[in-house]
Amino acid sequence: MRYLIVLFFGLVLNANSIDRAEYIVDDIDNLKKDYRQCIDLLNIANLQNGCSESRTLKKLKQENKKHKLLLKKKKQELALLQKKYNQLVKNSKKPTLPTLVDKSSCVNILNKNIKEGEIYEFKSSAFRLIAEANLFDKPNGNIIDTWENKTSFTSGIRTKKWIKITGYFVDKVWQKAIVEMWIKSDKAIKR
């Protein structure tokens, strides 16, 4: 009986080992299948990525060729423009600039043509003071005010040494002179 019990337990124990071995073999087979599926999916993904990468690379190469052609055209255009410019510079003479005249000398030129004590009317112009100056009520008259340097005014009447102020600017707005005002011509220049 002992023998039967030992045999029974031996069979039971061996049956568990065999079952366990079969489960392990099945698990290994399942793992092999899963591994093959993963490899297949990975290969498919690599192929798809490789195709999209090669397409992108082709597009970039085409764009690069277009840009190289545009750059070549622009360089040719620049070379033509540079050639034209050089030709123009070579053919042109150096421009002669007019000699600049001091504005105060313009007033003096007018003075040469005016006789002493004669009132001369001219086209109304704007003037600017070149220094602080006194205003007079008439030529060689009484001082009525003092204006600071760079004050602007208009006039169309003068004598040899005096300019009559017909209008002046307040905050860049011209106003007609209400009272008679005269200023020495050497204190102003024509604008």
C-alpha atoms as a PDB file:
ATOM      1  CA  MET A   1       0.000   0.000   0.000  1.00  0.00           C
ATOM      2  CA  ARG A   2       2.782   2.156   0.707  1.00  0.00           C
ATOM      3  CA  TYR A   3       3.940   1.422  -2.694  1.00  0.00           C
ATOM      4  CA  LEU A   4       0.643   2.505  -4.159  1.00  0.00           C
ATOM      5  CA  ILE A   5       0.647   5.700  -2.217  1.00  0.00           C
ATOM      6  CA  VAL A   6       4.182   6.503  -3.293  1.00  0.00           C
ATOM      7  CA  LEU A   7       3.281   5.661  -6.885  1.00  0.00           C
ATOM      8  CA  PHE A   8       0.172   7.809  -6.708  1.00  0.00           C
ATOM      9  CA  PHE A   9       2.056  10.760  -5.289  1.00  0.00           C
ATOM     10  CA  GLY A  10       4.835  10.226  -7.810  1.00  0.00           C
ATOM     11  CA  LEU A  11       2.320  10.319 -10.676  1.00  0.00           C
ATOM     12  CA  VAL A  12       0.622  13.392  -9.268  1.00  0.00           C
ATOM     13  CA  LEU A  13       3.926  15.126  -8.786  1.00  0.00           C
ATOM     14  CA  ASN A  14       5.111  14.142 -12.268  1.00  0.00           C
ATOM     15  CA  ALA A  15       1.790  15.270 -13.762  1.00  0.00           C
ATOM     16  CA  ASN A  16       2.279  18.766 -12.290  1.00  0.00           C
ATOM     17  CA  SER A  17       5.800  18.974 -13.709  1.00  0.00           C
ATOM     18  CA  ILE A  18       4.624  17.909 -17.131  1.00  0.00           C
ATOM     19  CA  ASP A  19       1.746  20.378 -17.052  1.00  0.00           C
ATOM     20  CA  ARG A  20       4.082  23.102 -15.976  1.00  0.00           C
ATOM     21  CA  ALA A  21       6.514  22.223 -18.758  1.00  0.00           C
ATOM     22  CA  GLU A  22       3.674  22.334 -21.310  1.00  0.00           C
ATOM     23  CA  TYR A  23       2.588  25.764 -20.040  1.00  0.00           C
ATOM     24  CA  ILE A  24       6.150  27.012 -20.304  1.00  0.00           C
ATOM     25  CA  VAL A  25       6.451  25.693 -23.883  1.00  0.00           C
ATOM     26  CA  ASP A  26       3.132  27.393 -24.784  1.00  0.00           C
ATOM     27  CA  ASP A  27       4.322  30.668 -23.234  1.00  0.00           C
ATOM     28  CA  ILE A  28       7.565  30.471 -25.212  1.00  0.00           C
ATOM     29  CA  ASP A  29       5.601  29.887 -28.434  1.00  0.00           C
ATOM     30  CA  ASN A  30       3.339  32.891 -27.665  1.00  0.00           C
ATOM     31  CA  LEU A  31       6.348  35.064 -26.890  1.00  0.00           C
ATOM     32  CA  LYS A  32       7.974  34.007 -30.204  1.00  0.00           C
ATOM     33  CA  LYS A  33       4.778  34.965 -32.086  1.00  0.00           C
ATOM     34  CA  ASP A  34       4.596  38.327 -30.307  1.00  0.00           C
ATOM     35  CA  TYR A  35       8.267  38.937 -31.072  1.00  0.00           C
ATOM     36  CA  ARG A  36       7.756  38.177 -34.779  1.00  0.00           C
ATOM     37  CA  GLN A  37       4.735  40.538 -34.875  1.00  0.00           C
ATOM     38  CA  CYS A  38       6.745  43.305 -33.237  1.00  0.00           C
ATOM     39  CA  ILE A  39       9.598  42.824 -35.723  1.00  0.00           C
ATOM     40  CA  ASP A  40       7.123  42.913 -38.627  1.00  0.00           C
ATOM     41  CA  LEU A  41       5.465  46.101 -37.312  1.00  0.00           C
ATOM     42  CA  LEU A  42       8.855  47.694 -36.764  1.00  0.00           C
ATOM     43  CA  ASN A  43       9.948  46.823 -40.317  1.00  0.00           C
ATOM     44  CA  ILE A  44       6.712  48.288 -41.724  1.00  0.00           C
ATOM     45  CA  ALA A  45       7.173  51.474 -39.680  1.00  0.00           C
ATOM     46  CA  ASN A  46      10.782  51.802 -40.817  1.00  0.00           C
ATOM     47  CA  LEU A  47       9.755  51.376 -44.428  1.00  0.00           C
ATOM     48  CA  GLN A  48       7.050  54.033 -44.094  1.00  0.00           C
ATOM     49  CA  ASN A  49       9.417  56.461 -42.355  1.00  0.00           C
ATOM     50  CA  GLY A  50      12.082  55.767 -44.925  1.00  0.00           C
ATOM     51  CA  CYS A  51       9.658  56.569 -47.731  1.00  0.00           C
ATOM     52  CA  SER A  52       8.491  59.843 -46.166  1.00  0.00           C
ATOM     53  CA  GLU A  53      12.068  60.820 -45.358  1.00  0.00           C
ATOM     54  CA  SER A  54      13.191  60.108 -48.901  1.00  0.00           C
ATOM     55  CA  ARG A  55      10.237  62.131 -50.259  1.00  0.00           C
ATOM     56  CA  THR A  56      11.135  65.064 -47.983  1.00  0.00           C
ATOM     57  CA  LEU A  57      14.773  64.799 -48.987  1.00  0.00           C
ATOM     58  CA  LYS A  58      13.796  64.870 -52.677  1.00  0.00           C
ATOM     59  CA  LYS A  59      11.649  67.972 -52.123  1.00  0.00           C
ATOM     60  CA  LEU A  60      14.468  69.712 -50.273  1.00  0.00           C
ATOM     61  CA  LYS A  61      16.916  68.888 -53.050  1.00  0.00           C
ATOM     62  CA  GLN A  62      14.495  70.288 -55.652  1.00  0.00           C
ATOM     63  CA  GLU A  63      14.004  73.489 -53.640  1.00  0.00           C
ATOM     64  CA  ASN A  64      17.747  73.788 -53.210  1.00  0.00           C
ATOM     65  CA  LYS A  65      18.204  73.584 -56.996  1.00  0.00           C
ATOM     66  CA  LYS A  66      15.560  76.287 -57.514  1.00  0.00           C
ATOM     67  CA  HIS A  67      17.251  78.568 -54.985  1.00  0.00           C
ATOM     68  CA  LYS A  68      20.637  77.989 -56.598  1.00  0.00           C
ATOM     69  CA  LEU A  69      19.186  78.981 -59.989  1.00  0.00           C
ATOM     70  CA  LEU A  70      17.597  82.110 -58.498  1.00  0.00           C
ATOM     71  CA  LEU A  71      20.851  83.022 -56.801  1.00  0.00           C
ATOM     72  CA  LYS A  72      22.732  82.575 -60.074  1.00  0.00           C
ATOM     73  CA  LYS A  73      20.232  84.854 -61.891  1.00  0.00           C
ATOM     74  CA  LYS A  74      20.487  87.515 -59.169  1.00  0.00           C
ATOM     75  CA  LYS A  75      24.279  87.416 -59.340  1.00  0.00           C
ATOM     76  CA  GLN A  76      24.110  87.892 -63.116  1.00  0.00           C
ATOM     77  CA  GLU A  77      21.690  90.823 -62.724  1.00  0.00           C
ATOM     78  CA  LEU A  78      23.970  92.369 -60.103  1.00  0.00           C
ATOM     79  CA  ALA A  79      26.982  91.970 -62.381  1.00  0.00           C
ATOM     80  CA  LEU A  80      25.085  93.690 -65.240  1.00  0.00           C
ATOM     81  CA  LEU A  81      24.030  96.556 -62.979  1.00  0.00           C
ATOM     82  CA  GLN A  82      27.578  96.934 -61.671  1.00  0.00           C
ATOM     83  CA  LYS A  83      28.873  97.013 -65.252  1.00  0.00           C
ATOM     84  CA  LYS A  84      26.317  99.683 -66.240  1.00  0.00           C
ATOM     85  CA  TYR A  85      27.151 101.732 -63.158  1.00  0.00           C
ATOM     86  CA  ASN A  86      30.875 101.551 -63.853  1.00  0.00           C
ATOM     87  CA  GLN A  87      30.264 102.578 -67.471  1.00  0.00           C
ATOM     88  CA  LEU A  88      28.159 105.560 -66.349  1.00  0.00           C
ATOM     89  CA  VAL A  89      30.795 106.652 -63.872  1.00  0.00           C
ATOM     90  CA  LYS A  90      33.501 106.282 -66.481  1.00  0.00           C
ATOM     91  CA  ASN A  91      31.566 108.281 -69.101  1.00  0.00           C
ATOM     92  CA  SER A  92      30.293 110.999 -66.828  1.00  0.00           C
ATOM     93  CA  LYS A  93      32.308 114.065 -65.959  1.00  0.00           C
ATOM     94  CA  LYS A  94      32.688 115.187 -62.410  1.00  0.00           C
ATOM     95  CA  PRO A  95      29.791 117.512 -61.689  1.00  0.00           C
ATOM     96  CA  THR A  96      30.705 121.084 -60.949  1.00  0.00           C
ATOM     97  CA  LEU A  97      28.869 122.375 -57.957  1.00  0.00           C
ATOM     98  CA  PRO A  98      27.796 125.990 -57.935  1.00  0.00           C
ATOM     99  CA  THR A  99      29.619 128.301 -55.597  1.00  0.00           C
ATOM    100  CA  LEU A 100      27.503 129.083 -52.579  1.00  0.00           C
ATOM    101  CA  VAL A 101      26.836 132.739 -51.833  1.00  0.00           C
ATOM    102  CA  ASP A 102      26.435 134.064 -48.313  1.00  0.00           C
ATOM    103  CA  LYS A 103      22.854 135.261 -47.828  1.00  0.00           C
ATOM    104  CA  SER A 104      24.000 138.404 -46.106  1.00  0.00           C
ATOM    105  CA  SER A 105      25.840 139.376 -49.299  1.00  0.00           C
ATOM    106  CA  CYS A 106      22.496 139.253 -51.158  1.00  0.00           C
ATOM    107  CA  VAL A 107      21.201 142.033 -48.926  1.00  0.00           C
ATOM    108  CA  ASN A 108      24.388 143.991 -49.559  1.00  0.00           C
ATOM    109  CA  ILE A 109      23.965 143.584 -53.352  1.00  0.00           C
ATOM    110  CA  LEU A 110      20.493 145.096 -53.009  1.00  0.00           C
ATOM    111  CA  ASN A 111      21.996 147.950 -50.994  1.00  0.00           C
ATOM    112  CA  LYS A 112      24.377 148.860 -53.832  1.00  0.00           C
ATOM    113  CA  ASN A 113      21.447 149.611 -56.146  1.00  0.00           C
ATOM    114  CA  ILE A 114      19.534 151.734 -53.631  1.00  0.00           C
ATOM    115  CA  LYS A 115      20.248 155.427 -53.130  1.00  0.00           C
ATOM    116  CA  GLU A 116      20.476 156.918 -49.661  1.00  0.00           C
ATOM    117  CA  GLY A 117      17.043 157.885 -48.257  1.00  0.00           C
ATOM    118  CA  GLU A 118      15.116 156.214 -51.115  1.00  0.00           C
ATOM    119  CA  ILE A 119      12.386 153.677 -50.218  1.00  0.00           C
ATOM    120  CA  TYR A 120      12.492 150.626 -52.406  1.00  0.00           C
ATOM    121  CA  GLU A 121       9.653 148.091 -52.782  1.00  0.00           C
ATOM    122  CA  PHE A 122      10.418 144.492 -53.765  1.00  0.00           C
ATOM    123  CA  LYS A 123       8.661 141.136 -53.819  1.00  0.00           C
ATOM    124  CA  SER A 124       7.786 140.246 -50.244  1.00  0.00           C
ATOM    125  CA  SER A 125      10.277 137.780 -48.727  1.00  0.00           C
ATOM    126  CA  ALA A 126      11.002 136.093 -45.444  1.00  0.00           C
ATOM    127  CA  PHE A 127      13.983 137.232 -43.368  1.00  0.00           C
ATOM    128  CA  ARG A 128      15.709 135.945 -40.258  1.00  0.00           C
ATOM    129  CA  LEU A 129      17.694 137.859 -37.665  1.00  0.00           C
ATOM    130  CA  ILE A 130      21.360 136.906 -37.438  1.00  0.00           C
ATOM    131  CA  ALA A 131      21.786 138.565 -34.050  1.00  0.00           C
ATOM    132  CA  GLU A 132      19.662 140.171 -31.352  1.00  0.00           C
ATOM    133  CA  ALA A 133      18.297 143.422 -32.808  1.00  0.00           C
ATOM    134  CA  ASN A 134      16.368 146.528 -31.805  1.00  0.00           C
ATOM    135  CA  LEU A 135      13.123 147.487 -33.553  1.00  0.00           C
ATOM    136  CA  PHE A 136      12.533 151.130 -34.408  1.00  0.00           C
ATOM    137  CA  ASP A 137       9.311 153.076 -35.115  1.00  0.00           C
ATOM    138  CA  LYS A 138      10.943 154.563 -38.257  1.00  0.00           C
ATOM    139  CA  PRO A 139      14.431 154.633 -39.791  1.00  0.00           C
ATOM    140  CA  ASN A 140      16.749 156.363 -37.291  1.00  0.00           C
ATOM    141  CA  GLY A 141      13.726 156.631 -34.958  1.00  0.00           C
ATOM    142  CA  ASN A 142      13.002 155.482 -31.407  1.00  0.00           C
ATOM    143  CA  ILE A 143      13.571 151.897 -30.148  1.00  0.00           C
ATOM    144  CA  ILE A 144      10.196 150.200 -29.551  1.00  0.00           C
ATOM    145  CA  ASP A 145      11.239 146.589 -28.914  1.00  0.00           C
ATOM    146  CA  THR A 146      14.114 144.074 -29.065  1.00  0.00           C
ATOM    147  CA  TRP A 147      13.921 140.744 -30.904  1.00  0.00           C
ATOM    148  CA  GLU A 148      16.178 137.783 -30.228  1.00  0.00           C
ATOM    149  CA  ASN A 149      18.460 136.012 -32.691  1.00  0.00           C
ATOM    150  CA  LYS A 150      16.825 133.780 -35.389  1.00  0.00           C
ATOM    151  CA  THR A 151      13.450 135.538 -35.186  1.00  0.00           C
ATOM    152  CA  SER A 152      11.699 135.365 -38.573  1.00  0.00           C
ATOM    153  CA  PHE A 153       9.721 138.139 -40.252  1.00  0.00           C
ATOM    154  CA  THR A 154       8.539 139.261 -43.705  1.00  0.00           C
ATOM    155  CA  SER A 155       9.118 142.423 -45.639  1.00  0.00           C
ATOM    156  CA  GLY A 156       8.624 143.985 -49.053  1.00  0.00           C
ATOM    157  CA  ILE A 157       9.890 147.505 -48.306  1.00  0.00           C
ATOM    158  CA  ARG A 158      13.409 148.732 -47.577  1.00  0.00           C
ATOM    159  CA  THR A 159      15.867 151.581 -47.741  1.00  0.00           C
ATOM    160  CA  LYS A 160      19.634 151.353 -48.112  1.00  0.00           C
ATOM    161  CA  LYS A 161      20.198 150.597 -44.387  1.00  0.00           C
ATOM    162  CA  TRP A 162      16.729 149.672 -43.091  1.00  0.00           C
ATOM    163  CA  ILE A 163      14.102 146.957 -43.658  1.00  0.00           C
ATOM    164  CA  LYS A 164      10.433 147.561 -42.821  1.00  0.00           C
ATOM    165  CA  ILE A 165       8.744 144.644 -41.009  1.00  0.00           C
ATOM    166  CA  THR A 166       5.387 143.946 -42.677  1.00  0.00           C
ATOM    167  CA  GLY A 167       4.649 140.702 -40.818  1.00  0.00           C
ATOM    168  CA  TYR A 168       6.160 138.283 -38.339  1.00  0.00           C
ATOM    169  CA  PHE A 169       5.729 134.732 -37.070  1.00  0.00           C
ATOM    170  CA  VAL A 170       4.257 133.781 -33.702  1.00  0.00           C
ATOM    171  CA  ASP A 171       4.367 130.020 -32.996  1.00  0.00           C
ATOM    172  CA  LYS A 172       5.005 129.429 -36.727  1.00  0.00           C
ATOM    173  CA  VAL A 173       1.873 131.382 -37.666  1.00  0.00           C
ATOM    174  CA  TRP A 174       2.318 134.557 -39.729  1.00  0.00           C
ATOM    175  CA  GLN A 175       0.731 137.771 -38.423  1.00  0.00           C
ATOM    176  CA  LYS A 176       0.516 141.090 -40.202  1.00  0.00           C
ATOM    177  CA  ALA A 177       2.376 143.932 -38.472  1.00  0.00           C
ATOM    178  CA  ILE A 178      -0.121 146.474 -37.116  1.00  0.00           C
ATOM    179  CA  VAL A 179       2.375 149.140 -36.055  1.00  0.00           C
ATOM    180  CA  GLU A 180       5.234 150.403 -38.183  1.00  0.00           C
ATOM    181  CA  MET A 181       8.476 148.562 -37.324  1.00  0.00           C
ATOM    182  CA  TRP A 182      11.935 148.971 -38.905  1.00  0.00           C
ATOM    183  CA  ILE A 183      15.134 146.988 -38.382  1.00  0.00           C
ATOM    184  CA  LYS A 184      18.700 147.602 -39.537  1.00  0.00           C
ATOM    185  CA  SER A 185      19.424 145.599 -42.706  1.00  0.00           C
ATOM    186  CA  ASP A 186      22.788 144.320 -41.420  1.00  0.00           C
ATOM    187  CA  LYS A 187      20.950 142.414 -38.625  1.00  0.00           C
ATOM    188  CA  ALA A 188      18.890 140.225 -41.014  1.00  0.00           C
ATOM    189  CA  ILE A 189      19.399 137.804 -43.893  1.00  0.00           C
ATOM    190  CA  LYS A 190      16.987 136.680 -46.565  1.00  0.00           C
ATOM    191  CA  ARG A 191      15.686 133.142 -46.028  1.00  0.00           C
END
